[in-house]
Amino acid sequence: MRGGGTRDGKTADTCRARALVGRLDPEAAYFGPGDGGRRCVLVFDMQDSSTLPTIAEPLFQELGAKLKVHPVMNREDLRKGLASLR
């Protein structure tokens, strides 16, 4: 599903990427080449993992994106998690 101002849909893809970045309000966003295509790395706070489908599905369906999700935690969250093991 591609559309937009150019024949290959890059303008529409750019608009979709901007909309995603605006919706997620990431702490950091990095863009560059990767794996023979374009790569975007977004660092954002996902309060509830059940929101992942609302983030991922539009990327799969509209952009044919491949996603890698790497959950991480800050120092405070790590302390809480380790304290619960005691």
N, C-alpha and C. Protein backbone atom coordinates (compact mmCIF):
# COMPACT_ATOMS: atom_id res chain seq x y z
N MET A 1 0.83 -1.17 0.00
CA MET A 1 0.00 0.00 0.00
C MET A 1 0.88 1.23 0.00
N ARG A 2 1.15 1.76 -1.15
CA ARG A 2 2.01 2.94 -1.24
C ARG A 2 1.27 4.02 -2.01
N GLY A 3 1.60 5.23 -1.69
CA GLY A 3 1.01 6.34 -2.42
C GLY A 3 1.77 7.59 -2.05
N GLY A 4 1.50 8.66 -2.75
CA GLY A 4 2.13 9.91 -2.38
C GLY A 4 2.64 10.65 -3.57
N GLY A 5 3.60 11.53 -3.33
CA GLY A 5 4.06 12.46 -4.34
C GLY A 5 5.05 11.90 -5.33
N THR A 6 5.60 10.73 -5.13
CA THR A 6 6.54 10.15 -6.08
C THR A 6 6.04 8.79 -6.52
N ARG A 7 6.63 8.30 -7.59
CA ARG A 7 6.17 7.02 -8.13
C ARG A 7 6.36 5.87 -7.17
N ASP A 8 7.41 5.89 -6.38
CA ASP A 8 7.67 4.77 -5.48
C ASP A 8 7.11 4.97 -4.08
N GLY A 9 6.40 6.06 -3.84
CA GLY A 9 5.73 6.25 -2.56
C GLY A 9 6.61 6.78 -1.45
N LYS A 10 7.84 7.22 -1.76
CA LYS A 10 8.74 7.66 -0.69
C LYS A 10 8.20 8.87 0.07
N THR A 11 7.50 9.77 -0.63
CA THR A 11 6.93 10.93 0.06
C THR A 11 5.89 10.49 1.07
N ALA A 12 5.03 9.57 0.70
CA ALA A 12 4.01 9.07 1.62
C ALA A 12 4.66 8.33 2.79
N ASP A 13 5.72 7.56 2.51
CA ASP A 13 6.43 6.85 3.57
C ASP A 13 7.02 7.84 4.56
N THR A 14 7.57 8.93 4.06
CA THR A 14 8.14 9.95 4.92
C THR A 14 7.07 10.56 5.81
N CYS A 15 5.90 10.83 5.25
CA CYS A 15 4.79 11.38 6.03
C CYS A 15 4.35 10.40 7.12
N ARG A 16 4.29 9.13 6.79
CA ARG A 16 3.91 8.12 7.78
C ARG A 16 4.95 8.04 8.90
N ALA A 17 6.22 8.10 8.54
CA ALA A 17 7.29 8.05 9.54
C ALA A 17 7.21 9.27 10.45
N ARG A 18 6.96 10.43 9.87
CA ARG A 18 6.81 11.64 10.69
C ARG A 18 5.64 11.52 11.64
N ALA A 19 4.53 10.97 11.16
CA ALA A 19 3.35 10.80 12.00
C ALA A 19 3.66 9.86 13.17
N LEU A 20 4.38 8.78 12.89
CA LEU A 20 4.74 7.83 13.95
C LEU A 20 5.64 8.49 14.99
N VAL A 21 6.64 9.21 14.53
CA VAL A 21 7.54 9.89 15.45
C VAL A 21 6.75 10.91 16.28
N GLY A 22 5.83 11.61 15.66
CA GLY A 22 5.02 12.57 16.40
C GLY A 22 4.13 11.90 17.44
N ARG A 23 3.58 10.74 17.10
CA ARG A 23 2.69 10.04 18.02
C ARG A 23 3.45 9.42 19.19
N LEU A 24 4.62 8.86 18.94
CA LEU A 24 5.40 8.20 19.99
C LEU A 24 6.18 9.18 20.86
N ASP A 25 6.48 10.35 20.31
CA ASP A 25 7.27 11.36 21.02
C ASP A 25 8.52 10.73 21.63
N PRO A 26 9.41 10.16 20.79
CA PRO A 26 10.56 9.43 21.31
C PRO A 26 11.58 10.33 22.02
N GLU A 27 12.29 9.72 22.96
CA GLU A 27 13.39 10.40 23.63
C GLU A 27 14.51 10.66 22.64
N ALA A 28 14.67 9.74 21.67
CA ALA A 28 15.70 9.86 20.65
C ALA A 28 15.20 9.19 19.38
N ALA A 29 15.61 9.71 18.23
CA ALA A 29 15.27 9.12 16.94
C ALA A 29 16.50 9.21 16.04
N TYR A 30 16.88 8.07 15.45
CA TYR A 30 18.05 8.00 14.59
C TYR A 30 17.63 7.41 13.25
N PHE A 31 18.14 7.98 12.15
CA PHE A 31 17.79 7.54 10.81
C PHE A 31 19.06 7.33 10.01
N GLY A 32 19.08 6.27 9.20
CA GLY A 32 20.25 6.01 8.37
C GLY A 32 20.07 4.73 7.59
N PRO A 33 21.10 4.33 6.86
CA PRO A 33 21.02 3.08 6.08
C PRO A 33 21.20 1.87 6.99
N GLY A 34 20.61 0.76 6.56
CA GLY A 34 20.78 -0.48 7.31
C GLY A 34 20.22 -1.66 6.56
N ASP A 35 20.94 -2.76 6.53
CA ASP A 35 20.51 -4.00 5.87
C ASP A 35 20.03 -3.77 4.44
N GLY A 36 20.71 -2.91 3.73
CA GLY A 36 20.38 -2.66 2.33
C GLY A 36 19.16 -1.79 2.12
N GLY A 37 18.68 -1.14 3.14
CA GLY A 37 17.51 -0.27 3.03
C GLY A 37 17.64 0.90 3.99
N ARG A 38 16.49 1.42 4.38
CA ARG A 38 16.47 2.53 5.33
C ARG A 38 16.23 1.98 6.73
N ARG A 39 16.82 2.64 7.73
CA ARG A 39 16.67 2.19 9.11
C ARG A 39 16.29 3.38 9.97
N CYS A 40 15.43 3.09 10.94
CA CYS A 40 15.02 4.09 11.91
C CYS A 40 15.07 3.43 13.28
N VAL A 41 15.72 4.08 14.23
CA VAL A 41 15.78 3.59 15.60
C VAL A 41 15.10 4.63 16.47
N LEU A 42 14.04 4.21 17.16
CA LEU A 42 13.30 5.09 18.05
C LEU A 42 13.43 4.60 19.48
N VAL A 43 13.75 5.49 20.38
CA VAL A 43 13.82 5.18 21.80
C VAL A 43 12.65 5.90 22.45
N PHE A 44 11.70 5.11 22.97
CA PHE A 44 10.50 5.71 23.56
C PHE A 44 10.05 4.89 24.75
N ASP A 45 9.24 5.50 25.60
CA ASP A 45 8.74 4.86 26.81
C ASP A 45 7.40 4.19 26.51
N MET A 46 7.40 2.87 26.45
CA MET A 46 6.16 2.12 26.23
C MET A 46 5.68 1.65 27.60
N GLN A 47 4.70 2.35 28.14
CA GLN A 47 4.18 2.06 29.48
C GLN A 47 3.53 0.69 29.58
N ASP A 48 2.92 0.24 28.48
CA ASP A 48 2.17 -1.03 28.50
C ASP A 48 2.47 -1.77 27.20
N SER A 49 2.95 -2.99 27.31
CA SER A 49 3.33 -3.75 26.10
C SER A 49 2.13 -4.04 25.20
N SER A 50 0.92 -3.90 25.70
CA SER A 50 -0.25 -4.14 24.86
C SER A 50 -0.41 -3.06 23.78
N THR A 51 0.35 -1.97 23.88
CA THR A 51 0.28 -0.94 22.83
C THR A 51 1.16 -1.29 21.63
N LEU A 52 1.98 -2.32 21.74
CA LEU A 52 2.86 -2.69 20.63
C LEU A 52 2.12 -2.96 19.32
N PRO A 53 0.99 -3.69 19.31
CA PRO A 53 0.29 -3.89 18.04
C PRO A 53 -0.16 -2.58 17.37
N THR A 54 -0.57 -1.59 18.16
CA THR A 54 -1.00 -0.33 17.55
C THR A 54 0.17 0.43 16.96
N ILE A 55 1.36 0.15 17.43
CA ILE A 55 2.57 0.77 16.87
C ILE A 55 3.05 -0.03 15.65
N ALA A 56 3.10 -1.34 15.79
CA ALA A 56 3.71 -2.20 14.77
C ALA A 56 2.83 -2.44 13.54
N GLU A 57 1.56 -2.70 13.72
CA GLU A 57 0.70 -3.08 12.59
C GLU A 57 0.68 -2.06 11.46
N PRO A 58 0.53 -0.77 11.74
CA PRO A 58 0.58 0.18 10.62
C PRO A 58 1.90 0.13 9.86
N LEU A 59 2.99 -0.11 10.58
CA LEU A 59 4.29 -0.20 9.92
C LEU A 59 4.38 -1.43 9.04
N PHE A 60 3.85 -2.55 9.51
CA PHE A 60 3.82 -3.78 8.70
C PHE A 60 2.92 -3.58 7.49
N GLN A 61 1.70 -3.15 7.72
CA GLN A 61 0.68 -3.10 6.66
C GLN A 61 0.93 -1.98 5.65
N GLU A 62 1.29 -0.80 6.12
CA GLU A 62 1.40 0.34 5.22
C GLU A 62 2.79 0.50 4.61
N LEU A 63 3.81 0.10 5.33
CA LEU A 63 5.17 0.32 4.85
C LEU A 63 5.93 -0.96 4.53
N GLY A 64 5.35 -2.12 4.89
CA GLY A 64 6.07 -3.37 4.68
C GLY A 64 7.34 -3.42 5.53
N ALA A 65 7.30 -2.77 6.69
CA ALA A 65 8.49 -2.65 7.54
C ALA A 65 8.82 -3.96 8.23
N LYS A 66 10.08 -4.11 8.56
CA LYS A 66 10.56 -5.18 9.40
C LYS A 66 10.92 -4.54 10.73
N LEU A 67 10.47 -5.12 11.82
CA LEU A 67 10.70 -4.52 13.13
C LEU A 67 11.54 -5.42 14.01
N LYS A 68 12.36 -4.77 14.81
CA LYS A 68 13.07 -5.44 15.90
C LYS A 68 12.73 -4.64 17.14
N VAL A 69 12.23 -5.30 18.15
CA VAL A 69 11.85 -4.63 19.38
C VAL A 69 12.81 -5.09 20.48
N HIS A 70 13.40 -4.14 21.16
CA HIS A 70 14.36 -4.44 22.22
C HIS A 70 13.92 -3.75 23.50
N PRO A 71 13.17 -4.45 24.34
CA PRO A 71 12.78 -3.82 25.60
C PRO A 71 14.00 -3.59 26.49
N VAL A 72 14.06 -2.42 27.06
CA VAL A 72 15.13 -2.07 27.99
C VAL A 72 14.54 -1.36 29.19
N MET A 73 15.35 -1.17 30.22
CA MET A 73 14.86 -0.45 31.39
C MET A 73 15.93 0.50 31.88
N ASN A 74 15.47 1.50 32.60
CA ASN A 74 16.42 2.45 33.17
C ASN A 74 16.91 1.90 34.51
N ARG A 75 17.81 2.63 35.15
CA ARG A 75 18.43 2.16 36.39
C ARG A 75 17.37 1.94 37.48
N GLU A 76 16.42 2.85 37.60
CA GLU A 76 15.38 2.71 38.63
C GLU A 76 14.54 1.45 38.41
N ASP A 77 14.15 1.19 37.16
CA ASP A 77 13.36 -0.01 36.87
C ASP A 77 14.18 -1.27 37.16
N LEU A 78 15.47 -1.25 36.84
CA LEU A 78 16.33 -2.40 37.13
C LEU A 78 16.40 -2.65 38.64
N ARG A 79 16.57 -1.60 39.41
CA ARG A 79 16.59 -1.76 40.88
C ARG A 79 15.30 -2.38 41.39
N LYS A 80 14.15 -1.89 40.89
CA LYS A 80 12.85 -2.45 41.30
C LYS A 80 12.77 -3.93 40.96
N GLY A 81 13.17 -4.27 39.75
CA GLY A 81 13.13 -5.67 39.32
C GLY A 81 14.02 -6.56 40.15
N LEU A 82 15.22 -6.11 40.41
CA LEU A 82 16.15 -6.91 41.22
C LEU A 82 15.68 -7.02 42.66
N ALA A 83 15.08 -5.95 43.18
CA ALA A 83 14.56 -6.00 44.56
C ALA A 83 13.44 -7.01 44.69
N SER A 84 12.66 -7.21 43.63
CA SER A 84 11.55 -8.17 43.72
C SER A 84 12.05 -9.61 43.73
N LEU A 85 13.32 -9.83 43.39
CA LEU A 85 13.89 -11.19 43.43
C LEU A 85 14.29 -11.60 44.85
N ARG A 86 14.38 -10.65 45.73
CA ARG A 86 14.83 -10.94 47.10
C ARG A 86 13.73 -11.55 47.93
